[in-house]
């Protein structure tokens, strides 16, 4: 193994350790539109969930009018 091979290995290991320290350790997966609709209808009666662009969704709920 040449001296330049060792330097290249050490350089790569340094940046891998640096990047691994910056990556998130664990992130909960985002809600799917279907799951968001299930949670919303169970929590808010009459809620409407619409699918939007780029995996986003719109939740609309209007408070019932008290009589």
N, C-alpha and C. Protein backbone atom coordinates (compact mmCIF):
# COMPACT_ATOMS: atom_id res chain seq x y z
N UNK A 1 0.86 -1.17 0.00
CA UNK A 1 0.00 0.00 0.00
C UNK A 1 0.92 1.24 0.00
N UNK A 2 0.66 2.10 -0.94
CA UNK A 2 1.47 3.32 -1.06
C UNK A 2 0.97 4.37 -0.08
N UNK A 3 1.81 5.38 0.14
CA UNK A 3 1.44 6.46 1.07
C UNK A 3 0.22 7.23 0.57
N UNK A 4 0.11 7.36 -0.72
CA UNK A 4 -1.05 8.10 -1.27
C UNK A 4 -2.34 7.33 -1.05
N UNK A 5 -2.30 5.99 -1.07
CA UNK A 5 -3.49 5.19 -0.81
C UNK A 5 -3.97 5.41 0.63
N UNK A 6 -3.04 5.47 1.57
CA UNK A 6 -3.42 5.69 2.96
C UNK A 6 -4.03 7.06 3.15
N UNK A 7 -3.47 8.08 2.49
CA UNK A 7 -4.01 9.43 2.60
C UNK A 7 -5.42 9.51 2.01
N UNK A 8 -5.64 8.84 0.90
CA UNK A 8 -6.97 8.83 0.28
C UNK A 8 -7.95 8.11 1.21
N UNK A 9 -7.55 7.03 1.83
CA UNK A 9 -8.46 6.31 2.74
C UNK A 9 -8.79 7.17 3.95
N UNK A 10 -7.78 7.82 4.52
CA UNK A 10 -7.99 8.66 5.69
C UNK A 10 -8.91 9.85 5.34
N UNK A 11 -8.73 10.42 4.18
CA UNK A 11 -9.56 11.53 3.72
C UNK A 11 -11.02 11.09 3.60
N UNK A 12 -11.27 9.94 3.00
CA UNK A 12 -12.65 9.43 2.85
C UNK A 12 -13.27 9.11 4.20
N UNK A 13 -12.51 8.51 5.08
CA UNK A 13 -13.04 8.17 6.41
C UNK A 13 -13.40 9.43 7.18
N UNK A 14 -12.61 10.48 7.04
CA UNK A 14 -12.89 11.72 7.73
C UNK A 14 -14.22 12.30 7.27
N UNK A 15 -14.44 12.37 5.96
CA UNK A 15 -15.68 12.95 5.45
C UNK A 15 -16.88 12.06 5.72
N UNK A 16 -16.71 10.76 5.74
CA UNK A 16 -17.81 9.87 6.09
C UNK A 16 -18.23 10.08 7.53
N UNK A 17 -17.29 10.21 8.45
CA UNK A 17 -17.62 10.49 9.85
C UNK A 17 -18.29 11.84 9.98
N UNK A 18 -17.83 12.82 9.23
CA UNK A 18 -18.39 14.16 9.27
C UNK A 18 -19.84 14.15 8.79
N UNK A 19 -20.10 13.47 7.69
CA UNK A 19 -21.46 13.41 7.15
C UNK A 19 -22.38 12.57 8.02
N UNK A 20 -21.89 11.50 8.58
CA UNK A 20 -22.74 10.65 9.40
C UNK A 20 -23.20 11.38 10.66
N UNK A 21 -22.42 12.32 11.14
CA UNK A 21 -22.82 13.10 12.30
C UNK A 21 -23.93 14.10 11.97
N UNK A 22 -24.11 14.43 10.71
CA UNK A 22 -25.10 15.42 10.31
C UNK A 22 -26.40 14.80 9.84
N UNK A 23 -26.41 13.53 9.55
CA UNK A 23 -27.62 12.89 9.06
C UNK A 23 -28.60 12.65 10.22
N UNK A 24 -29.90 12.73 9.95
CA UNK A 24 -30.87 12.46 11.02
C UNK A 24 -30.80 11.01 11.46
N UNK A 25 -30.94 10.80 12.76
CA UNK A 25 -30.83 9.45 13.31
C UNK A 25 -32.07 8.61 13.02
N UNK A 26 -33.21 9.21 13.18
CA UNK A 26 -34.45 8.48 12.92
C UNK A 26 -35.58 9.47 12.75
N UNK A 27 -36.26 9.37 11.64
CA UNK A 27 -37.35 10.28 11.35
C UNK A 27 -38.59 9.45 11.07
N UNK A 28 -39.69 9.83 11.68
CA UNK A 28 -40.93 9.13 11.41
C UNK A 28 -41.35 9.38 9.97
N UNK A 29 -41.84 8.35 9.29
CA UNK A 29 -42.29 8.56 7.92
C UNK A 29 -43.50 9.47 7.90
N UNK A 30 -43.65 10.25 6.84
CA UNK A 30 -44.79 11.17 6.77
C UNK A 30 -46.11 10.40 6.60
N UNK A 31 -47.19 11.04 6.97
CA UNK A 31 -48.50 10.41 6.79
C UNK A 31 -48.85 10.34 5.32
N UNK A 32 -49.42 9.23 4.90
CA UNK A 32 -49.95 9.15 3.55
C UNK A 32 -51.29 9.88 3.54
N UNK A 33 -51.80 10.16 2.38
CA UNK A 33 -53.08 10.84 2.28
C UNK A 33 -54.19 9.97 2.88
N UNK A 34 -54.12 8.70 2.63
CA UNK A 34 -55.12 7.78 3.17
C UNK A 34 -55.10 7.76 4.69
N UNK A 35 -53.90 7.70 5.27
CA UNK A 35 -53.78 7.68 6.73
C UNK A 35 -54.20 9.02 7.33
N UNK A 36 -53.85 10.12 6.65
CA UNK A 36 -54.28 11.44 7.13
C UNK A 36 -55.80 11.55 7.12
N UNK A 37 -56.44 11.00 6.10
CA UNK A 37 -57.90 11.01 6.04
C UNK A 37 -58.50 10.18 7.17
N UNK A 38 -57.91 9.02 7.46
CA UNK A 38 -58.42 8.18 8.55
C UNK A 38 -58.29 8.89 9.89
N UNK A 39 -57.15 9.49 10.15
CA UNK A 39 -56.93 10.18 11.42
C UNK A 39 -57.86 11.39 11.53
N UNK A 40 -57.99 12.14 10.44
CA UNK A 40 -58.82 13.34 10.47
C UNK A 40 -60.29 13.02 10.69
N UNK A 41 -60.82 12.02 10.01
CA UNK A 41 -62.23 11.69 10.18
C UNK A 41 -62.51 11.09 11.55
N UNK A 42 -61.53 10.40 12.13
CA UNK A 42 -61.72 9.86 13.47
C UNK A 42 -61.67 10.96 14.52
N UNK A 43 -60.90 12.00 14.28
CA UNK A 43 -60.72 13.07 15.25
C UNK A 43 -61.71 14.21 15.04
N UNK A 44 -61.90 14.61 13.80
CA UNK A 44 -62.75 15.75 13.47
C UNK A 44 -63.91 15.29 12.58
N UNK A 45 -65.11 15.20 13.12
CA UNK A 45 -66.24 14.76 12.30
C UNK A 45 -66.51 15.77 11.18
N UNK A 46 -66.68 15.27 9.98
CA UNK A 46 -66.96 16.12 8.84
C UNK A 46 -65.72 16.70 8.18
N UNK A 47 -64.54 16.24 8.56
CA UNK A 47 -63.30 16.74 7.96
C UNK A 47 -63.17 16.22 6.53
N UNK A 48 -62.60 17.04 5.68
CA UNK A 48 -62.35 16.66 4.30
C UNK A 48 -60.85 16.75 4.03
N UNK A 49 -60.32 15.74 3.38
CA UNK A 49 -58.89 15.71 3.05
C UNK A 49 -58.78 15.58 1.54
N UNK A 50 -58.02 16.49 0.95
CA UNK A 50 -57.80 16.46 -0.50
C UNK A 50 -56.31 16.30 -0.78
N UNK A 51 -56.00 15.57 -1.82
CA UNK A 51 -54.62 15.36 -2.22
C UNK A 51 -54.15 16.55 -3.06
N UNK A 52 -52.95 17.03 -2.78
CA UNK A 52 -52.36 18.14 -3.51
C UNK A 52 -51.11 17.67 -4.25
N UNK A 53 -50.43 18.61 -4.86
CA UNK A 53 -49.22 18.31 -5.62
C UNK A 53 -48.07 17.98 -4.67
N UNK A 54 -47.16 17.14 -5.12
CA UNK A 54 -45.94 16.77 -4.39
C UNK A 54 -46.24 16.13 -3.04
N UNK A 55 -47.12 15.19 -3.01
CA UNK A 55 -47.44 14.37 -1.84
C UNK A 55 -47.89 15.19 -0.64
N UNK A 56 -48.55 16.28 -0.90
CA UNK A 56 -49.12 17.09 0.18
C UNK A 56 -50.61 16.88 0.21
N UNK A 57 -51.23 17.27 1.30
CA UNK A 57 -52.67 17.16 1.39
C UNK A 57 -53.23 18.37 2.11
N UNK A 58 -54.50 18.62 1.86
CA UNK A 58 -55.20 19.76 2.45
C UNK A 58 -56.30 19.21 3.33
N UNK A 59 -56.32 19.63 4.58
CA UNK A 59 -57.34 19.21 5.53
C UNK A 59 -58.26 20.40 5.79
N UNK A 60 -59.54 20.20 5.56
CA UNK A 60 -60.53 21.27 5.78
C UNK A 60 -61.54 20.76 6.80
N UNK A 61 -61.72 21.56 7.85
CA UNK A 61 -62.72 21.23 8.87
C UNK A 61 -63.37 22.52 9.32
N UNK A 62 -64.67 22.49 9.33
CA UNK A 62 -65.41 23.65 9.82
C UNK A 62 -66.13 23.26 11.09
N UNK A 63 -65.97 24.10 12.10
CA UNK A 63 -66.62 23.83 13.38
C UNK A 63 -68.12 23.86 13.19
N UNK A 64 -68.84 22.87 13.72
CA UNK A 64 -70.29 22.86 13.59
C UNK A 64 -70.91 24.06 14.32
N UNK A 65 -71.97 24.58 13.73
CA UNK A 65 -72.66 25.72 14.33
C UNK A 65 -73.51 25.20 15.48
N UNK A 66 -73.33 25.82 16.64
CA UNK A 66 -74.12 25.40 17.80
C UNK A 66 -75.50 26.04 17.74
N UNK A 67 -76.51 25.26 18.04
CA UNK A 67 -77.89 25.78 18.01
C UNK A 67 -78.42 26.01 19.40
